[in-house]
Amino acid sequence: MSNTTEEQVYAECLKAESKGLTYSDYMNIHPDAKVEQIVMALNSLLTKGMVELFHVRNELIYKAVKKEDVGKAGNLNGEEQVVYSTIRASGNEGIWTKHLKSKTNLHETVIKRCLKVLEQKALVKGVKSVKFPTRKLYMLMELTPSEEVTGGPWFTDQELDVEFVEHLTRSCYNYILMKSFPKNPSVVYTKEYSSYPNATAVRKHIMDRKISQVELTVTDITMLLDVLVYDGKVERFVAQVDDDWGEDDMETNSDWVYKAVRDGKTESAWQECPCGVCPVVEFCTETGPINPAGCTYYNKWLDF
């Protein structure tokens, strides 16, 4: 067997990524390849730990192992290799022992022994799942569990941190409240006011002031803002609508800005009508050249 064939097989396995490569797949790509060379190349790669073999629907599938990962499990026996490979395939979602048993077809006692060896060698770790509290999931030692497993920033030791969530929600509301109304209660913002914050601005406020020691994303902050909206403490609306804006854009967090609802009081409608932002309102009289009856803006505002 030439090294070229082995390199080609490994390269095709890498291209196939998580889908894996079958013998038929390789022959379709390289129809002139010799069967003996392909078999020898696959066996060599398996021996070196550069590919993994899986049985899926009575078909053999080969998946490449990244070169930086080759050798990590070099001292494992066959059963330990199978368990390690199956755990690695689960990624940062982890895998439950019962699912591990069904995928490997190994006896439960064998799986427990293999897991003990893998944990002792610091190759895998067990983590608790928020979604399934009674299950222990296994994943590679270097991986960070997904938010589906840990519950995200709102959970501490698999328990919802109610105090933390309430503190952050209150901080978000106070910031939006500060940006929603002038300090002088006799002053109102006109409809031209453009400093209502979006989720990105709220996140920046939270992180800059170290209100949260946990790194939060815009999506995390949006979840808190949604709670405030549902509770009737803030309202959200689109800051600016351009010609390209459509209904689908309403799902984009950055398009929304938030305004506090203060003590259930309704603001004056003066800021919504054209008169509230008219630059020549001081010259508007009933009989003068600038008058309400001839105001095109006023008529357009009333024409709904």
C-alpha atoms as a PDB file:
ATOM      1  CA  MET A   1       0.000   0.000   0.000  1.00  0.00           C
ATOM      2  CA  SER A   2       1.290   3.437  -0.852  1.00  0.00           C
ATOM      3  CA  ASN A   3       1.179   6.302   1.609  1.00  0.00           C
ATOM      4  CA  THR A   4      -0.678   8.258  -1.059  1.00  0.00           C
ATOM      5  CA  THR A   5      -3.739   6.014  -0.774  1.00  0.00           C
ATOM      6  CA  GLU A   6      -3.728   6.293   3.006  1.00  0.00           C
ATOM      7  CA  GLU A   7      -3.448  10.069   2.799  1.00  0.00           C
ATOM      8  CA  GLN A   8      -6.271  10.220   0.260  1.00  0.00           C
ATOM      9  CA  VAL A   9      -8.563   8.086   2.408  1.00  0.00           C
ATOM     10  CA  TYR A  10      -7.814  10.185   5.489  1.00  0.00           C
ATOM     11  CA  ALA A  11      -8.379  13.407   3.531  1.00  0.00           C
ATOM     12  CA  GLU A  12     -11.771  12.187   2.295  1.00  0.00           C
ATOM     13  CA  CYS A  13     -12.756  11.204   5.839  1.00  0.00           C
ATOM     14  CA  LEU A  14     -11.858  14.704   7.003  1.00  0.00           C
ATOM     15  CA  LYS A  15     -13.975  16.250   4.249  1.00  0.00           C
ATOM     16  CA  ALA A  16     -16.936  14.087   5.250  1.00  0.00           C
ATOM     17  CA  GLU A  17     -16.720  15.549   8.788  1.00  0.00           C
ATOM     18  CA  SER A  18     -19.354  14.209  11.207  1.00  0.00           C
ATOM     19  CA  LYS A  19     -21.282  12.472   8.421  1.00  0.00           C
ATOM     20  CA  GLY A  20     -18.465   9.998   7.947  1.00  0.00           C
ATOM     21  CA  LEU A  21     -17.284   8.141   4.868  1.00  0.00           C
ATOM     22  CA  THR A  22     -18.329   4.722   3.609  1.00  0.00           C
ATOM     23  CA  TYR A  23     -16.414   2.439   1.283  1.00  0.00           C
ATOM     24  CA  SER A  24     -18.971   3.193  -1.456  1.00  0.00           C
ATOM     25  CA  ASP A  25     -18.512   6.936  -0.940  1.00  0.00           C
ATOM     26  CA  TYR A  26     -14.780   6.619  -1.497  1.00  0.00           C
ATOM     27  CA  MET A  27     -15.209   4.467  -4.604  1.00  0.00           C
ATOM     28  CA  ASN A  28     -17.612   7.026  -6.079  1.00  0.00           C
ATOM     29  CA  ILE A  29     -14.984   9.719  -5.588  1.00  0.00           C
ATOM     30  CA  HIS A  30     -12.051   7.550  -6.706  1.00  0.00           C
ATOM     31  CA  PRO A  31     -13.508   4.920  -9.070  1.00  0.00           C
ATOM     32  CA  ASP A  32     -10.041   3.768 -10.205  1.00  0.00           C
ATOM     33  CA  ALA A  33      -8.828   2.964  -6.697  1.00  0.00           C
ATOM     34  CA  LYS A  34      -7.868  -0.633  -5.948  1.00  0.00           C
ATOM     35  CA  VAL A  35      -9.888  -2.458  -3.308  1.00  0.00           C
ATOM     36  CA  GLU A  36      -6.824  -4.020  -1.664  1.00  0.00           C
ATOM     37  CA  GLN A  37      -5.143  -0.656  -1.215  1.00  0.00           C
ATOM     38  CA  ILE A  38      -8.271   0.936   0.247  1.00  0.00           C
ATOM     39  CA  VAL A  39      -8.722  -1.882   2.764  1.00  0.00           C
ATOM     40  CA  MET A  40      -5.066  -1.719   3.791  1.00  0.00           C
ATOM     41  CA  ALA A  41      -5.244   2.067   4.112  1.00  0.00           C
ATOM     42  CA  LEU A  42      -8.345   1.908   6.324  1.00  0.00           C
ATOM     43  CA  ASN A  43      -6.833  -0.788   8.545  1.00  0.00           C
ATOM     44  CA  SER A  44      -3.651   1.243   8.906  1.00  0.00           C
ATOM     45  CA  LEU A  45      -5.593   4.385   9.812  1.00  0.00           C
ATOM     46  CA  LEU A  46      -7.657   2.452  12.354  1.00  0.00           C
ATOM     47  CA  THR A  47      -4.504   1.027  13.927  1.00  0.00           C
ATOM     48  CA  LYS A  48      -2.973   4.499  14.178  1.00  0.00           C
ATOM     49  CA  GLY A  49      -6.170   5.875  15.691  1.00  0.00           C
ATOM     50  CA  MET A  50      -6.603   8.346  12.842  1.00  0.00           C
ATOM     51  CA  VAL A  51     -10.101   7.142  11.945  1.00  0.00           C
ATOM     52  CA  GLU A  52     -12.940   5.623  13.929  1.00  0.00           C
ATOM     53  CA  LEU A  53     -15.284   2.895  12.778  1.00  0.00           C
ATOM     54  CA  PHE A  54     -19.046   3.042  13.351  1.00  0.00           C
ATOM     55  CA  HIS A  55     -21.833   0.611  12.481  1.00  0.00           C
ATOM     56  CA  VAL A  56     -24.888   2.502  11.245  1.00  0.00           C
ATOM     57  CA  ARG A  57     -27.812   0.641   9.675  1.00  0.00           C
ATOM     58  CA  ASN A  58     -25.681  -2.340   8.722  1.00  0.00           C
ATOM     59  CA  GLU A  59     -23.133  -0.070   7.078  1.00  0.00           C
ATOM     60  CA  LEU A  60     -19.541   0.664   8.084  1.00  0.00           C
ATOM     61  CA  ILE A  61     -18.818   4.372   8.410  1.00  0.00           C
ATOM     62  CA  TYR A  62     -15.353   5.818   8.909  1.00  0.00           C
ATOM     63  CA  LYS A  63     -14.892   9.147  10.657  1.00  0.00           C
ATOM     64  CA  ALA A  64     -11.601  11.015  10.788  1.00  0.00           C
ATOM     65  CA  VAL A  65      -9.921  11.902  14.069  1.00  0.00           C
ATOM     66  CA  LYS A  66      -8.237  15.294  14.014  1.00  0.00           C
ATOM     67  CA  LYS A  67      -4.470  15.025  14.100  1.00  0.00           C
ATOM     68  CA  GLU A  68      -4.251  16.991  17.338  1.00  0.00           C
ATOM     69  CA  ASP A  69      -6.522  14.397  18.988  1.00  0.00           C
ATOM     70  CA  VAL A  70      -4.629  11.374  17.703  1.00  0.00           C
ATOM     71  CA  GLY A  71      -2.675   9.724  20.482  1.00  0.00           C
ATOM     72  CA  LYS A  72      -4.805  10.937  23.378  1.00  0.00           C
ATOM     73  CA  ALA A  73      -6.400   7.526  23.641  1.00  0.00           C
ATOM     74  CA  GLY A  74      -3.433   5.564  22.337  1.00  0.00           C
ATOM     75  CA  ASN A  75      -2.979   3.460  25.487  1.00  0.00           C
ATOM     76  CA  LEU A  76      -6.595   2.314  25.670  1.00  0.00           C
ATOM     77  CA  ASN A  77      -7.737  -1.201  24.903  1.00  0.00           C
ATOM     78  CA  GLY A  78     -10.410  -1.975  22.322  1.00  0.00           C
ATOM     79  CA  GLU A  79     -13.449  -1.583  24.588  1.00  0.00           C
ATOM     80  CA  GLU A  80     -12.101   1.605  26.128  1.00  0.00           C
ATOM     81  CA  GLN A  81     -11.429   2.969  22.646  1.00  0.00           C
ATOM     82  CA  VAL A  82     -15.043   2.293  21.639  1.00  0.00           C
ATOM     83  CA  VAL A  83     -16.430   4.028  24.733  1.00  0.00           C
ATOM     84  CA  TYR A  84     -14.049   6.967  24.315  1.00  0.00           C
ATOM     85  CA  SER A  85     -14.939   7.394  20.637  1.00  0.00           C
ATOM     86  CA  THR A  86     -18.669   7.282  21.367  1.00  0.00           C
ATOM     87  CA  ILE A  87     -18.321   9.890  24.099  1.00  0.00           C
ATOM     88  CA  ARG A  88     -16.255  12.106  21.815  1.00  0.00           C
ATOM     89  CA  ALA A  89     -18.926  11.876  19.116  1.00  0.00           C
ATOM     90  CA  SER A  90     -21.512  13.284  21.550  1.00  0.00           C
ATOM     91  CA  GLY A  91     -19.661  16.620  21.682  1.00  0.00           C
ATOM     92  CA  ASN A  92     -20.545  19.122  24.394  1.00  0.00           C
ATOM     93  CA  GLU A  93     -24.058  17.694  24.740  1.00  0.00           C
ATOM     94  CA  GLY A  94     -22.615  14.655  26.499  1.00  0.00           C
ATOM     95  CA  ILE A  95     -24.049  11.154  26.541  1.00  0.00           C
ATOM     96  CA  TRP A  96     -25.984   9.230  29.176  1.00  0.00           C
ATOM     97  CA  THR A  97     -24.720   5.797  30.221  1.00  0.00           C
ATOM     98  CA  LYS A  98     -27.898   4.110  28.985  1.00  0.00           C
ATOM     99  CA  HIS A  99     -27.436   5.656  25.549  1.00  0.00           C
ATOM    100  CA  LEU A 100     -23.754   4.757  25.706  1.00  0.00           C
ATOM    101  CA  LYS A 101     -24.731   1.138  26.263  1.00  0.00           C
ATOM    102  CA  SER A 102     -27.125   1.074  23.301  1.00  0.00           C
ATOM    103  CA  LYS A 103     -24.598   2.690  20.953  1.00  0.00           C
ATOM    104  CA  THR A 104     -21.651   0.489  21.902  1.00  0.00           C
ATOM    105  CA  ASN A 105     -23.504  -2.806  22.554  1.00  0.00           C
ATOM    106  CA  LEU A 106     -21.238  -3.297  25.559  1.00  0.00           C
ATOM    107  CA  HIS A 107     -22.372  -4.733  28.880  1.00  0.00           C
ATOM    108  CA  GLU A 108     -23.118  -2.220  31.618  1.00  0.00           C
ATOM    109  CA  THR A 109     -20.328  -3.626  33.791  1.00  0.00           C
ATOM    110  CA  VAL A 110     -17.826  -3.167  30.955  1.00  0.00           C
ATOM    111  CA  ILE A 111     -18.985   0.412  30.372  1.00  0.00           C
ATOM    112  CA  LYS A 112     -18.593   1.274  34.061  1.00  0.00           C
ATOM    113  CA  ARG A 113     -15.076  -0.154  34.058  1.00  0.00           C
ATOM    114  CA  CYS A 114     -14.166   1.777  30.902  1.00  0.00           C
ATOM    115  CA  LEU A 115     -15.579   5.018  32.292  1.00  0.00           C
ATOM    116  CA  LYS A 116     -13.550   4.584  35.468  1.00  0.00           C
ATOM    117  CA  VAL A 117     -10.368   4.159  33.423  1.00  0.00           C
ATOM    118  CA  LEU A 118     -11.167   7.144  31.196  1.00  0.00           C
ATOM    119  CA  GLU A 119     -11.880   9.373  34.195  1.00  0.00           C
ATOM    120  CA  GLN A 120      -8.675   8.278  35.931  1.00  0.00           C
ATOM    121  CA  LYS A 121      -6.723   9.218  32.802  1.00  0.00           C
ATOM    122  CA  ALA A 122      -8.532  12.595  32.698  1.00  0.00           C
ATOM    123  CA  LEU A 123      -9.884  11.881  29.219  1.00  0.00           C
ATOM    124  CA  VAL A 124     -13.580  12.244  30.064  1.00  0.00           C
ATOM    125  CA  LYS A 125     -15.657  13.812  32.815  1.00  0.00           C
ATOM    126  CA  GLY A 126     -19.134  13.376  34.199  1.00  0.00           C
ATOM    127  CA  VAL A 127     -21.496  16.362  34.384  1.00  0.00           C
ATOM    128  CA  LYS A 128     -24.998  16.843  35.743  1.00  0.00           C
ATOM    129  CA  SER A 129     -27.804  17.912  33.452  1.00  0.00           C
ATOM    130  CA  VAL A 130     -30.337  20.611  34.311  1.00  0.00           C
ATOM    131  CA  LYS A 131     -32.778  19.117  31.830  1.00  0.00           C
ATOM    132  CA  PHE A 132     -32.407  15.602  33.272  1.00  0.00           C
ATOM    133  CA  PRO A 133     -31.303  16.011  36.918  1.00  0.00           C
ATOM    134  CA  THR A 134     -31.161  12.269  37.588  1.00  0.00           C
ATOM    135  CA  ARG A 135     -28.808  11.587  34.675  1.00  0.00           C
ATOM    136  CA  LYS A 136     -25.048  11.845  34.627  1.00  0.00           C
ATOM    137  CA  LEU A 137     -23.667  12.753  31.231  1.00  0.00           C
ATOM    138  CA  TYR A 138     -20.153  12.062  29.994  1.00  0.00           C
ATOM    139  CA  MET A 139     -18.094  14.208  27.628  1.00  0.00           C
ATOM    140  CA  LEU A 140     -14.439  14.867  26.862  1.00  0.00           C
ATOM    141  CA  MET A 141     -12.522  16.544  29.662  1.00  0.00           C
ATOM    142  CA  GLU A 142     -11.579  19.624  27.629  1.00  0.00           C
ATOM    143  CA  LEU A 143     -15.131  20.451  26.510  1.00  0.00           C
ATOM    144  CA  THR A 144     -17.429  23.030  28.082  1.00  0.00           C
ATOM    145  CA  PRO A 145     -20.971  21.685  28.529  1.00  0.00           C
ATOM    146  CA  SER A 146     -23.638  23.259  26.339  1.00  0.00           C
ATOM    147  CA  GLU A 147     -26.232  25.613  27.802  1.00  0.00           C
ATOM    148  CA  GLU A 148     -28.829  22.892  27.353  1.00  0.00           C
ATOM    149  CA  VAL A 149     -26.846  20.822  29.837  1.00  0.00           C
ATOM    150  CA  THR A 150     -25.908  23.551  32.323  1.00  0.00           C
ATOM    151  CA  GLY A 151     -28.992  25.754  31.971  1.00  0.00           C
ATOM    152  CA  GLY A 152     -26.915  28.762  30.948  1.00  0.00           C
ATOM    153  CA  PRO A 153     -26.007  31.713  33.190  1.00  0.00           C
ATOM    154  CA  TRP A 154     -29.258  31.519  35.159  1.00  0.00           C
ATOM    155  CA  PHE A 155     -28.313  28.265  36.881  1.00  0.00           C
ATOM    156  CA  THR A 156     -25.765  27.618  39.608  1.00  0.00           C
ATOM    157  CA  ASP A 157     -25.003  24.001  40.488  1.00  0.00           C
ATOM    158  CA  GLN A 158     -28.043  22.911  38.469  1.00  0.00           C
ATOM    159  CA  GLU A 159     -30.312  25.197  40.528  1.00  0.00           C
ATOM    160  CA  LEU A 160     -32.085  28.273  39.168  1.00  0.00           C
ATOM    161  CA  ASP A 161     -30.447  31.318  40.776  1.00  0.00           C
ATOM    162  CA  VAL A 162     -33.633  33.292  41.416  1.00  0.00           C
ATOM    163  CA  GLU A 163     -31.868  36.088  43.303  1.00  0.00           C
ATOM    164  CA  PHE A 164     -29.377  36.601  40.468  1.00  0.00           C
ATOM    165  CA  VAL A 165     -32.117  36.692  37.819  1.00  0.00           C
ATOM    166  CA  GLU A 166     -34.234  39.149  39.823  1.00  0.00           C
ATOM    167  CA  HIS A 167     -31.225  41.391  40.463  1.00  0.00           C
ATOM    168  CA  LEU A 168     -30.335  41.517  36.766  1.00  0.00           C
ATOM    169  CA  THR A 169     -33.929  42.071  35.690  1.00  0.00           C
ATOM    170  CA  ARG A 170     -34.256  44.952  38.141  1.00  0.00           C
ATOM    171  CA  SER A 171     -30.984  46.472  36.899  1.00  0.00           C
ATOM    172  CA  CYS A 172     -32.186  46.243  33.290  1.00  0.00           C
ATOM    173  CA  TYR A 173     -35.439  47.975  34.187  1.00  0.00           C
ATOM    174  CA  ASN A 174     -33.712  50.773  36.116  1.00  0.00           C
ATOM    175  CA  TYR A 175     -31.403  51.476  33.183  1.00  0.00           C
ATOM    176  CA  ILE A 176     -34.279  51.551  30.685  1.00  0.00           C
ATOM    177  CA  LEU A 177     -36.262  53.770  33.070  1.00  0.00           C
ATOM    178  CA  MET A 178     -33.349  56.207  33.282  1.00  0.00           C
ATOM    179  CA  LYS A 179     -33.160  56.385  29.477  1.00  0.00           C
ATOM    180  CA  SER A 180     -36.928  56.668  29.004  1.00  0.00           C
ATOM    181  CA  PHE A 181     -37.807  59.881  30.857  1.00  0.00           C
ATOM    182  CA  PRO A 182     -36.177  63.292  31.432  1.00  0.00           C
ATOM    183  CA  LYS A 183     -34.999  64.099  34.934  1.00  0.00           C
ATOM    184  CA  ASN A 184     -37.296  67.111  34.923  1.00  0.00           C
ATOM    185  CA  PRO A 185     -40.847  65.708  35.286  1.00  0.00           C
ATOM    186  CA  SER A 186     -42.330  68.761  33.571  1.00  0.00           C
ATOM    187  CA  VAL A 187     -40.436  67.932  30.366  1.00  0.00           C
ATOM    188  CA  VAL A 188     -41.471  65.267  27.892  1.00  0.00           C
ATOM    189  CA  TYR A 189     -39.458  63.654  25.141  1.00  0.00           C
ATOM    190  CA  THR A 190     -40.735  64.231  21.640  1.00  0.00           C
ATOM    191  CA  LYS A 191     -41.242  61.414  19.172  1.00  0.00           C
ATOM    192  CA  GLU A 192     -37.871  62.354  17.679  1.00  0.00           C
ATOM    193  CA  TYR A 193     -36.098  61.122  20.816  1.00  0.00           C
ATOM    194  CA  SER A 194     -33.734  58.343  19.749  1.00  0.00           C
ATOM    195  CA  SER A 195     -31.915  57.253  22.900  1.00  0.00           C
ATOM    196  CA  TYR A 196     -34.171  54.430  23.969  1.00  0.00           C
ATOM    197  CA  PRO A 197     -31.791  51.492  24.528  1.00  0.00           C
ATOM    198  CA  ASN A 198     -31.736  48.211  22.637  1.00  0.00           C
ATOM    199  CA  ALA A 199     -30.600  44.874  24.065  1.00  0.00           C
ATOM    200  CA  THR A 200     -26.986  45.540  23.065  1.00  0.00           C
ATOM    201  CA  ALA A 201     -26.942  48.828  24.986  1.00  0.00           C
ATOM    202  CA  VAL A 202     -28.514  47.203  28.045  1.00  0.00           C
ATOM    203  CA  ARG A 203     -25.917  44.423  27.955  1.00  0.00           C
ATOM    204  CA  LYS A 204     -23.095  46.971  27.722  1.00  0.00           C
ATOM    205  CA  HIS A 205     -24.486  48.783  30.759  1.00  0.00           C
ATOM    206  CA  ILE A 206     -24.691  45.541  32.755  1.00  0.00           C
ATOM    207  CA  MET A 207     -21.195  44.361  31.829  1.00  0.00           C
ATOM    208  CA  ASP A 208     -19.430  47.749  32.061  1.00  0.00           C
ATOM    209  CA  ARG A 209     -20.713  48.268  35.594  1.00  0.00           C
ATOM    210  CA  LYS A 210     -19.892  44.680  36.531  1.00  0.00           C
ATOM    211  CA  ILE A 211     -23.449  44.101  37.693  1.00  0.00           C
ATOM    212  CA  SER A 212     -22.924  40.529  36.515  1.00  0.00           C
ATOM    213  CA  GLN A 213     -19.707  38.622  37.060  1.00  0.00           C
ATOM    214  CA  VAL A 214     -20.945  36.061  34.527  1.00  0.00           C
ATOM    215  CA  GLU A 215     -20.414  36.831  30.848  1.00  0.00           C
ATOM    216  CA  LEU A 216     -23.820  37.485  29.311  1.00  0.00           C
ATOM    217  CA  THR A 217     -24.751  37.566  25.641  1.00  0.00           C
ATOM    218  CA  VAL A 218     -27.271  39.817  23.917  1.00  0.00           C
ATOM    219  CA  THR A 219     -29.565  36.793  23.741  1.00  0.00           C
ATOM    220  CA  ASP A 220     -29.336  36.380  27.526  1.00  0.00           C
ATOM    221  CA  ILE A 221     -30.252  40.031  28.056  1.00  0.00           C
ATOM    222  CA  THR A 222     -33.113  39.760  25.570  1.00  0.00           C
ATOM    223  CA  MET A 223     -34.584  36.962  27.678  1.00  0.00           C
ATOM    224  CA  LEU A 224     -34.653  39.299  30.691  1.00  0.00           C
ATOM    225  CA  LEU A 225     -36.145  42.115  28.631  1.00  0.00           C
ATOM    226  CA  ASP A 226     -38.860  39.771  27.396  1.00  0.00           C
ATOM    227  CA  VAL A 227     -39.801  39.133  31.026  1.00  0.00           C
ATOM    228  CA  LEU A 228     -40.102  42.882  31.613  1.00  0.00           C
ATOM    229  CA  VAL A 229     -42.272  43.221  28.512  1.00  0.00           C
ATOM    230  CA  TYR A 230     -44.564  40.381  29.611  1.00  0.00           C
ATOM    231  CA  ASP A 231     -44.811  41.914  33.092  1.00  0.00           C
ATOM    232  CA  GLY A 232     -45.883  45.225  31.564  1.00  0.00           C
ATOM    233  CA  LYS A 233     -42.889  47.101  32.975  1.00  0.00           C
ATOM    234  CA  VAL A 234     -41.397  48.030  29.612  1.00  0.00           C
ATOM    235  CA  GLU A 235     -42.645  48.211  26.065  1.00  0.00           C
ATOM    236  CA  ARG A 236     -40.662  47.545  22.950  1.00  0.00           C
ATOM    237  CA  PHE A 237     -40.901  49.003  19.491  1.00  0.00           C
ATOM    238  CA  VAL A 238     -38.830  49.376  16.351  1.00  0.00           C
ATOM    239  CA  ALA A 239     -36.496  52.331  16.622  1.00  0.00           C
ATOM    240  CA  GLN A 240     -36.293  53.224  12.962  1.00  0.00           C
ATOM    241  CA  VAL A 241     -38.072  51.793   9.977  1.00  0.00           C
ATOM    242  CA  ASP A 242     -36.387  52.086   6.608  1.00  0.00           C
ATOM    243  CA  ASP A 243     -37.515  51.098   3.142  1.00  0.00           C
ATOM    244  CA  ASP A 244     -35.980  47.636   3.447  1.00  0.00           C
ATOM    245  CA  TRP A 245     -37.634  46.826   6.746  1.00  0.00           C
ATOM    246  CA  GLY A 246     -40.259  44.093   6.786  1.00  0.00           C
ATOM    247  CA  GLU A 247     -42.139  41.911   9.223  1.00  0.00           C
ATOM    248  CA  ASP A 248     -39.320  39.374   9.295  1.00  0.00           C
ATOM    249  CA  ASP A 249     -37.037  42.027  10.790  1.00  0.00           C
ATOM    250  CA  MET A 250     -39.167  42.091  13.919  1.00  0.00           C
ATOM    251  CA  GLU A 251     -37.415  38.912  15.002  1.00  0.00           C
ATOM    252  CA  THR A 252     -34.021  40.645  15.012  1.00  0.00           C
ATOM    253  CA  ASN A 253     -33.153  41.733  18.545  1.00  0.00           C
ATOM    254  CA  SER A 254     -31.115  44.725  17.370  1.00  0.00           C
ATOM    255  CA  ASP A 255     -34.194  46.271  15.710  1.00  0.00           C
ATOM    256  CA  TRP A 256     -36.058  46.600  18.994  1.00  0.00           C
ATOM    257  CA  VAL A 257     -35.626  49.375  21.527  1.00  0.00           C
ATOM    258  CA  TYR A 258     -37.172  49.443  24.978  1.00  0.00           C
ATOM    259  CA  LYS A 259     -39.062  52.099  26.888  1.00  0.00           C
ATOM    260  CA  ALA A 260     -40.102  51.891  30.515  1.00  0.00           C
ATOM    261  CA  VAL A 261     -43.719  52.077  31.606  1.00  0.00           C
ATOM    262  CA  ARG A 262     -43.634  54.242  34.720  1.00  0.00           C
ATOM    263  CA  ASP A 263     -46.118  53.419  37.456  1.00  0.00           C
ATOM    264  CA  GLY A 264     -48.821  52.652  34.923  1.00  0.00           C
ATOM    265  CA  LYS A 265     -49.232  56.345  34.117  1.00  0.00           C
ATOM    266  CA  THR A 266     -49.960  57.390  30.564  1.00  0.00           C
ATOM    267  CA  GLU A 267     -47.734  60.059  29.127  1.00  0.00           C
ATOM    268  CA  SER A 268     -49.105  63.131  27.449  1.00  0.00           C
ATOM    269  CA  ALA A 269     -50.109  62.602  23.837  1.00  0.00           C
ATOM    270  CA  TRP A 270     -48.626  66.031  23.080  1.00  0.00           C
ATOM    271  CA  GLN A 271     -45.290  64.462  22.183  1.00  0.00           C
ATOM    272  CA  GLU A 272     -46.982  62.217  19.620  1.00  0.00           C
ATOM    273  CA  CYS A 273     -48.830  64.880  17.630  1.00  0.00           C
ATOM    274  CA  PRO A 274     -47.098  67.114  15.038  1.00  0.00           C
ATOM    275  CA  CYS A 275     -47.525  70.191  17.218  1.00  0.00           C
ATOM    276  CA  GLY A 276     -45.217  68.686  19.829  1.00  0.00           C
ATOM    277  CA  VAL A 277     -42.259  68.696  17.444  1.00  0.00           C
ATOM    278  CA  CYS A 278     -43.198  71.532  15.096  1.00  0.00           C
ATOM    279  CA  PRO A 279     -40.333  74.068  14.795  1.00  0.00           C
ATOM    280  CA  VAL A 280     -42.728  76.949  13.999  1.00  0.00           C
ATOM    281  CA  VAL A 281     -45.444  76.159  16.529  1.00  0.00           C
ATOM    282  CA  GLU A 282     -44.890  79.572  18.161  1.00  0.00           C
ATOM    283  CA  PHE A 283     -46.062  81.276  14.968  1.00  0.00           C
ATOM    284  CA  CYS A 284     -49.105  79.062  14.494  1.00  0.00           C
ATOM    285  CA  THR A 285     -52.376  80.972  14.925  1.00  0.00           C
ATOM    286  CA  GLU A 286     -55.957  80.347  13.945  1.00  0.00           C
ATOM    287  CA  THR A 287     -56.014  83.112  11.302  1.00  0.00           C
ATOM    288  CA  GLY A 288     -52.332  83.474  10.400  1.00  0.00           C
ATOM    289  CA  PRO A 289     -50.443  82.054   7.399  1.00  0.00           C
ATOM    290  CA  ILE A 290     -49.364  79.161   9.635  1.00  0.00           C
ATOM    291  CA  ASN A 291     -52.540  77.688  11.074  1.00  0.00           C
ATOM    292  CA  PRO A 292     -53.934  74.300  12.176  1.00  0.00           C
ATOM    293  CA  ALA A 293     -56.543  74.218   9.413  1.00  0.00           C
ATOM    294  CA  GLY A 294     -53.931  74.407   6.674  1.00  0.00           C
ATOM    295  CA  CYS A 295     -51.282  72.205   8.339  1.00  0.00           C
ATOM    296  CA  THR A 296     -50.532  69.250   6.080  1.00  0.00           C
ATOM    297  CA  TYR A 297     -48.718  67.425   8.870  1.00  0.00           C
ATOM    298  CA  TYR A 298     -51.676  67.767  11.211  1.00  0.00           C
ATOM    299  CA  ASN A 299     -54.117  66.545   8.566  1.00  0.00           C
ATOM    300  CA  LYS A 300     -51.889  63.576   7.746  1.00  0.00           C
ATOM    301  CA  TRP A 301     -51.629  62.716  11.451  1.00  0.00           C
ATOM    302  CA  LEU A 302     -55.426  62.779  11.803  1.00  0.00           C
ATOM    303  CA  ASP A 303     -55.953  60.777   8.628  1.00  0.00           C
ATOM    304  CA  PHE A 304     -55.909  57.262  10.041  1.00  0.00           C
END
